Amino acid sequence: MLTWDAFWNMVLINPMVNALIGLYSVLGQNFGLAIIVFTIVIRLVTLPLSIRQQRNAQEMQKLQPKIKEIQDKYKSNPQKMQEEMTKIGYNPTMMLGGCLPTLIQFPIWIGLYRAITSAMAATPLDLFNLSQHLYPWATGLTALIPLNPSFLGIPNLAYPIPESVLFGVGRFILPVLVAGTTYLQQKLMTPPSPDPQSAAMSNQMAIMMPLMLGFFALNFSSGLAIYWTASNIFGIGQYWLLPRLGLAPAITTPSAVSPARAAVPEATTETNSESRPLRPAAKAPTDGRSGSARKPVKARRKK
């Protein structure tokens, strides 16, 4: 009978271990670079889902004027408001779309953590466990073990950055990068919500998720932090590049001034521009009678 651990190893851990060591062999035996290339491959595989999410976010932006109109019209009738929202295709859960790539990557993150710690085998028992994950036909990979665990001054990618790196400051570099890039990606990929409840939930997730991942990066494998940072940078670049290639619509941030308010200055300007020619015409007398009638009035005003 196939156990859960055996199924997990067969579906996720073993392919990741062999892929990482295979990339390590062709990238100059640099495990950090192998993690970055592995991240790019994962993001390319999930690219159709990301494009669909970006299109969905743009559609939600287009619905916002209708949503606002329905909220103002049926604010005293929540049931009717919900019915009208459903008719136009609004779904509150879709406003959390910016967190979807993060949630999907959690199984990959857990599997990658197991794969990195397994590949960075430091003890005879770890080496034995690593041999159980390698495919029998991949005989060339066994000759590379043990792997070089260092990358860009990080002693071992299987562990957090030690406090001795850069006088203790180096320990916080990767967690800050993880939290910062996660926050930026979520902000870019999550359109603003006209619903206050959904907006509050989305803002809370946009803050709590980066903080949580930054805490994980501070206490878990630094290789995972490299993976997450590279994945976020790829997502930010995808948000910027895909609309320019015509593969996905751009998610634009609406201006703080509403269309109704923006129309007021235009109307005022038009009124002023129309009224300016009328003032001299009103002052110019059309005949002698009107001129004589207006002179005493002007004199009274001067006095």
Protein backbone atom coordinates (compact mmCIF):
# COMPACT_ATOMS: atom_id res chain seq x y z
CA MET A 1 0.00 0.00 0.00
CA LEU A 2 1.33 3.42 -0.98
CA THR A 3 1.76 5.62 2.10
CA TRP A 4 1.40 9.39 2.17
CA ASP A 5 5.15 9.93 2.59
CA ALA A 6 5.91 7.65 -0.34
CA PHE A 7 3.33 9.45 -2.50
CA TRP A 8 4.71 12.87 -1.46
CA ASN A 9 8.26 11.77 -2.28
CA MET A 10 7.25 10.30 -5.62
CA VAL A 11 5.19 13.27 -6.79
CA LEU A 12 7.14 16.24 -5.41
CA ILE A 13 10.35 15.60 -3.47
CA ASN A 14 12.11 13.19 -5.82
CA PRO A 15 11.52 15.27 -8.99
CA MET A 16 12.73 18.40 -7.19
CA VAL A 17 15.87 16.77 -5.82
CA ASN A 18 16.84 15.34 -9.19
CA ALA A 19 16.00 18.61 -11.00
CA LEU A 20 18.08 20.69 -8.57
CA ILE A 21 21.09 18.38 -8.74
CA GLY A 22 20.77 18.18 -12.53
CA LEU A 23 20.79 21.99 -12.78
CA TYR A 24 23.66 22.06 -10.31
CA SER A 25 25.68 19.85 -12.64
CA VAL A 26 25.17 22.05 -15.72
CA LEU A 27 25.52 25.43 -13.96
CA GLY A 28 29.08 25.12 -12.77
CA GLN A 29 28.13 23.27 -9.59
CA ASN A 30 26.49 26.37 -8.13
CA PHE A 31 23.52 25.34 -6.03
CA GLY A 32 22.22 28.88 -5.52
CA LEU A 33 22.14 29.46 -9.25
CA ALA A 34 20.41 26.10 -9.65
CA ILE A 35 17.66 27.28 -7.26
CA ILE A 36 17.17 30.51 -9.25
CA VAL A 37 16.91 28.68 -12.59
CA PHE A 38 14.57 26.14 -10.98
CA THR A 39 12.40 29.06 -9.81
CA ILE A 40 12.20 30.47 -13.33
CA VAL A 41 11.13 27.07 -14.67
CA ILE A 42 8.37 26.81 -12.05
CA ARG A 43 7.11 30.30 -12.86
CA LEU A 44 7.08 29.55 -16.58
CA VAL A 45 5.05 26.40 -15.96
CA THR A 46 2.48 28.35 -13.91
CA LEU A 47 2.49 31.32 -16.31
CA PRO A 48 -0.94 30.54 -17.86
CA LEU A 49 -2.49 30.71 -14.40
CA SER A 50 -0.77 34.02 -13.71
CA ILE A 51 -1.97 35.49 -17.02
CA ARG A 52 -5.52 34.39 -16.25
CA GLN A 53 -5.28 35.98 -12.81
CA GLN A 54 -4.03 39.25 -14.32
CA ARG A 55 -6.92 39.31 -16.80
CA ASN A 56 -9.36 38.59 -14.00
CA ALA A 57 -7.99 41.50 -11.98
CA GLN A 58 -8.46 43.82 -14.96
CA GLU A 59 -12.07 42.67 -15.36
CA MET A 60 -12.71 43.46 -11.71
CA GLN A 61 -11.40 46.96 -12.26
CA LYS A 62 -13.84 47.48 -15.13
CA LEU A 63 -16.74 46.44 -12.85
CA GLN A 64 -15.90 48.95 -10.14
CA PRO A 65 -18.07 51.85 -11.45
CA LYS A 66 -21.10 49.52 -11.68
CA ILE A 67 -20.35 48.09 -8.25
CA LYS A 68 -20.21 51.57 -6.74
CA GLU A 69 -23.49 52.50 -8.40
CA ILE A 70 -25.22 49.39 -7.06
CA GLN A 71 -23.86 49.98 -3.56
CA ASP A 72 -25.20 53.52 -3.52
CA LYS A 73 -28.56 52.52 -4.96
CA TYR A 74 -29.26 49.49 -2.75
CA LYS A 75 -27.35 50.36 0.41
CA SER A 76 -30.54 49.86 2.46
CA ASN A 77 -31.30 46.49 0.84
CA PRO A 78 -28.29 44.13 1.17
CA GLN A 79 -30.10 41.19 -0.40
CA LYS A 80 -31.01 43.15 -3.52
CA MET A 81 -27.48 44.55 -3.63
CA GLN A 82 -26.02 41.03 -3.58
CA GLU A 83 -28.37 39.95 -6.38
CA GLU A 84 -27.36 42.89 -8.56
CA MET A 85 -23.69 42.26 -7.82
CA THR A 86 -24.07 38.67 -8.93
CA LYS A 87 -25.79 39.75 -12.15
CA ILE A 88 -22.81 41.86 -13.23
CA GLY A 89 -20.37 39.06 -12.35
CA TYR A 90 -18.91 40.41 -9.10
CA ASN A 91 -17.41 37.92 -6.65
CA PRO A 92 -15.81 39.20 -3.41
CA THR A 93 -13.36 36.31 -3.25
CA MET A 94 -11.85 37.39 -6.57
CA MET A 95 -10.45 40.52 -4.89
CA LEU A 96 -7.93 38.29 -3.10
CA GLY A 97 -6.46 37.21 -6.44
CA GLY A 98 -3.15 38.88 -5.63
CA CYS A 99 -2.55 36.31 -2.89
CA LEU A 100 -3.33 33.36 -5.16
CA PRO A 101 0.23 32.84 -6.51
CA THR A 102 1.52 32.92 -2.93
CA LEU A 103 -0.98 30.30 -1.76
CA ILE A 104 -0.31 28.05 -4.74
CA GLN A 105 3.42 28.12 -4.06
CA PHE A 106 3.10 26.88 -0.48
CA PRO A 107 3.22 23.16 -1.47
CA ILE A 108 6.17 23.94 -3.74
CA TRP A 109 7.86 25.79 -0.90
CA ILE A 110 7.41 22.88 1.51
CA GLY A 111 8.63 20.39 -1.08
CA LEU A 112 11.59 22.60 -1.97
CA TYR A 113 12.54 22.86 1.69
CA ARG A 114 12.67 19.07 1.90
CA ALA A 115 14.55 18.88 -1.41
CA ILE A 116 17.18 21.45 -0.36
CA THR A 117 17.81 19.90 3.04
CA SER A 118 18.01 16.47 1.42
CA ALA A 119 20.42 17.63 -1.30
CA MET A 120 22.65 19.42 1.23
CA ALA A 121 23.38 16.12 2.97
CA ALA A 122 25.94 16.76 5.72
CA THR A 123 25.92 13.47 7.64
CA PRO A 124 26.19 9.81 6.52
CA LEU A 125 22.50 9.35 7.36
CA ASP A 126 21.58 12.34 5.21
CA LEU A 127 23.67 10.95 2.35
CA PHE A 128 21.83 7.65 2.63
CA ASN A 129 18.46 9.44 2.57
CA LEU A 130 19.58 11.44 -0.45
CA SER A 131 20.40 8.27 -2.33
CA GLN A 132 16.80 7.15 -1.82
CA HIS A 133 15.55 10.25 -3.66
CA LEU A 134 17.83 9.95 -6.71
CA TYR A 135 16.51 8.12 -9.74
CA PRO A 136 18.39 4.86 -10.47
CA TRP A 137 18.97 5.83 -14.08
CA ALA A 138 20.55 9.19 -13.10
CA THR A 139 23.95 7.64 -12.40
CA GLY A 140 25.87 10.82 -13.22
CA LEU A 141 24.25 12.72 -10.32
CA THR A 142 25.67 10.48 -7.61
CA ALA A 143 29.21 11.49 -8.60
CA LEU A 144 28.44 15.12 -7.65
CA ILE A 145 27.59 14.33 -4.03
CA PRO A 146 28.33 15.94 -1.62
CA LEU A 147 27.27 19.24 -3.13
CA ASN A 148 28.83 22.64 -2.56
CA PRO A 149 26.32 24.34 -0.19
CA SER A 150 27.65 27.93 -0.31
CA PHE A 151 26.37 30.81 -2.44
CA LEU A 152 27.32 34.54 -2.46
CA GLY A 153 28.87 34.40 0.98
CA ILE A 154 26.12 32.24 2.49
CA PRO A 155 27.89 29.25 4.08
CA ASN A 156 25.09 26.70 3.70
CA LEU A 157 21.86 27.16 1.77
CA ALA A 158 20.16 24.49 3.86
CA TYR A 159 20.23 26.76 6.92
CA PRO A 160 19.46 30.43 7.68
CA ILE A 161 22.24 32.97 7.22
CA PRO A 162 24.32 32.94 10.42
CA GLU A 163 24.66 36.05 12.57
CA SER A 164 28.38 36.27 11.80
CA VAL A 165 27.73 37.34 8.19
CA LEU A 166 28.17 41.13 7.71
CA PHE A 167 28.31 41.72 11.46
CA GLY A 168 24.88 40.27 12.00
CA VAL A 169 23.15 42.44 9.38
CA GLY A 170 23.46 39.79 6.67
CA ARG A 171 21.00 37.60 8.52
CA PHE A 172 18.18 40.05 7.76
CA ILE A 173 18.95 40.72 4.09
CA LEU A 174 17.03 37.77 2.65
CA PRO A 175 14.01 38.10 5.02
CA VAL A 176 13.67 41.79 4.10
CA LEU A 177 13.91 40.92 0.40
CA VAL A 178 11.29 38.21 0.80
CA ALA A 179 8.86 40.46 2.68
CA GLY A 180 9.43 43.49 0.43
CA THR A 181 9.08 41.71 -2.90
CA THR A 182 6.04 39.77 -1.67
CA TYR A 183 4.31 42.99 -0.60
CA LEU A 184 5.10 44.72 -3.89
CA GLN A 185 3.90 41.80 -6.00
CA GLN A 186 0.61 41.56 -4.09
CA LYS A 187 0.02 45.29 -4.41
CA LEU A 188 0.63 45.17 -8.15
CA MET A 189 -1.52 42.11 -8.78
CA THR A 190 -4.45 42.98 -6.49
CA PRO A 191 -6.85 45.63 -7.85
CA PRO A 192 -8.43 48.01 -5.31
CA SER A 193 -11.85 46.89 -4.10
CA PRO A 194 -14.90 49.17 -3.91
CA ASP A 195 -16.30 46.99 -1.14
CA PRO A 196 -14.93 48.21 2.23
CA GLN A 197 -15.05 44.72 3.77
CA SER A 198 -13.17 43.13 0.87
CA ALA A 199 -10.71 46.02 0.76
CA ALA A 200 -9.99 45.67 4.48
CA MET A 201 -9.45 41.92 4.09
CA SER A 202 -7.20 42.42 1.09
CA ASN A 203 -5.12 45.07 2.90
CA GLN A 204 -4.77 42.81 5.91
CA MET A 205 -3.55 39.95 3.74
CA ALA A 206 -1.16 42.28 1.92
CA ILE A 207 0.51 43.08 5.25
CA MET A 208 0.28 39.78 7.13
CA MET A 209 1.46 37.55 4.29
CA PRO A 210 4.80 39.35 3.68
CA LEU A 211 5.49 39.53 7.42
CA MET A 212 4.80 35.83 7.84
CA LEU A 213 7.02 34.88 4.90
CA GLY A 214 9.77 37.19 6.15
CA PHE A 215 9.63 35.42 9.52
CA PHE A 216 9.89 32.05 7.77
CA ALA A 217 12.89 33.27 5.77
CA LEU A 218 14.56 34.37 8.99
CA ASN A 219 14.30 30.92 10.57
CA PHE A 220 14.33 28.44 7.70
CA SER A 221 16.61 27.53 4.80
CA SER A 222 18.25 30.48 3.07
CA GLY A 223 17.82 28.55 -0.18
CA LEU A 224 14.06 28.90 0.27
CA ALA A 225 14.45 32.66 0.73
CA ILE A 226 16.40 32.81 -2.54
CA TYR A 227 13.65 30.84 -4.28
CA TRP A 228 10.88 33.11 -2.94
CA THR A 229 12.72 36.33 -3.75
CA ALA A 230 13.48 35.16 -7.30
CA SER A 231 9.85 34.08 -7.74
CA ASN A 232 8.55 37.48 -6.60
CA ILE A 233 10.95 39.35 -8.88
CA PHE A 234 9.77 37.18 -11.78
CA GLY A 235 6.15 38.01 -10.91
CA ILE A 236 6.86 41.75 -10.78
CA GLY A 237 8.64 41.56 -14.12
CA GLN A 238 5.75 39.58 -15.56
CA TYR A 239 3.29 42.24 -14.40
CA TRP A 240 5.35 44.90 -16.19
CA LEU A 241 6.25 42.95 -19.35
CA LEU A 242 3.15 40.96 -20.33
CA PRO A 243 0.92 43.99 -21.09
CA ARG A 244 3.67 45.44 -23.27
CA LEU A 245 3.80 42.17 -25.22
CA GLY A 246 0.02 42.09 -25.58
CA LEU A 247 -0.31 38.83 -23.60
CA ALA A 248 -2.22 40.29 -20.66
CA PRO A 249 -4.03 43.54 -19.83
CA ALA A 250 -2.37 46.08 -17.59
CA ILE A 251 -3.75 46.48 -14.07
CA THR A 252 -3.91 50.24 -13.67
CA THR A 253 -4.37 51.97 -10.36
CA PRO A 254 -7.37 54.28 -10.45
CA SER A 255 -6.82 57.90 -9.53
CA ALA A 256 -7.87 59.17 -6.15
CA VAL A 257 -10.28 61.69 -7.73
CA SER A 258 -13.55 60.14 -8.79
CA PRO A 259 -14.96 60.75 -12.26
CA ALA A 260 -17.79 62.79 -10.80
CA ARG A 261 -15.39 65.06 -8.97
CA ALA A 262 -13.11 65.27 -11.98
CA ALA A 263 -16.03 66.49 -14.09
CA VAL A 264 -16.74 69.43 -11.79
CA PRO A 265 -13.61 71.46 -12.62
CA GLU A 266 -14.18 70.87 -16.32
CA ALA A 267 -17.74 72.14 -16.07
CA THR A 268 -16.60 75.14 -14.05
CA THR A 269 -13.91 75.91 -16.59
CA GLU A 270 -16.37 75.72 -19.42
CA THR A 271 -18.82 77.96 -17.56
CA ASN A 272 -16.13 80.50 -16.82
CA SER A 273 -14.88 80.46 -20.38
CA GLU A 274 -18.41 80.98 -21.63
CA SER A 275 -19.21 83.72 -19.12
CA ARG A 276 -16.09 85.79 -19.76
CA PRO A 277 -17.27 87.08 -23.16
CA LEU A 278 -20.68 87.91 -21.71
CA ARG A 279 -19.40 90.33 -19.06
CA PRO A 280 -18.09 93.00 -21.48
CA ALA A 281 -21.23 92.63 -23.58
CA ALA A 282 -23.38 93.23 -20.49
CA LYS A 283 -21.45 96.41 -19.63
CA ALA A 284 -21.60 97.87 -23.16
CA PRO A 285 -24.72 99.98 -23.60
CA THR A 286 -26.92 98.99 -26.52
CA ASP A 287 -28.67 102.33 -26.79
CA GLY A 288 -28.78 105.74 -25.22
CA ARG A 289 -31.55 104.86 -22.85
CA SER A 290 -29.73 101.91 -21.31
CA GLY A 291 -26.52 103.92 -21.11
CA SER A 292 -28.16 106.78 -19.24
CA ALA A 293 -29.91 104.36 -16.95
CA ARG A 294 -26.69 102.64 -16.01
CA LYS A 295 -24.58 105.72 -15.31
CA PRO A 296 -26.41 106.70 -12.10
CA VAL A 297 -26.10 103.11 -10.89
CA LYS A 298 -22.34 103.16 -11.40
CA ALA A 299 -22.09 106.48 -9.66
CA ARG A 300 -24.01 105.16 -6.68
CA ARG A 301 -21.70 102.13 -6.46
CA LYS A 302 -18.61 104.36 -6.49
CA LYS A 303 -20.00 106.47 -3.71
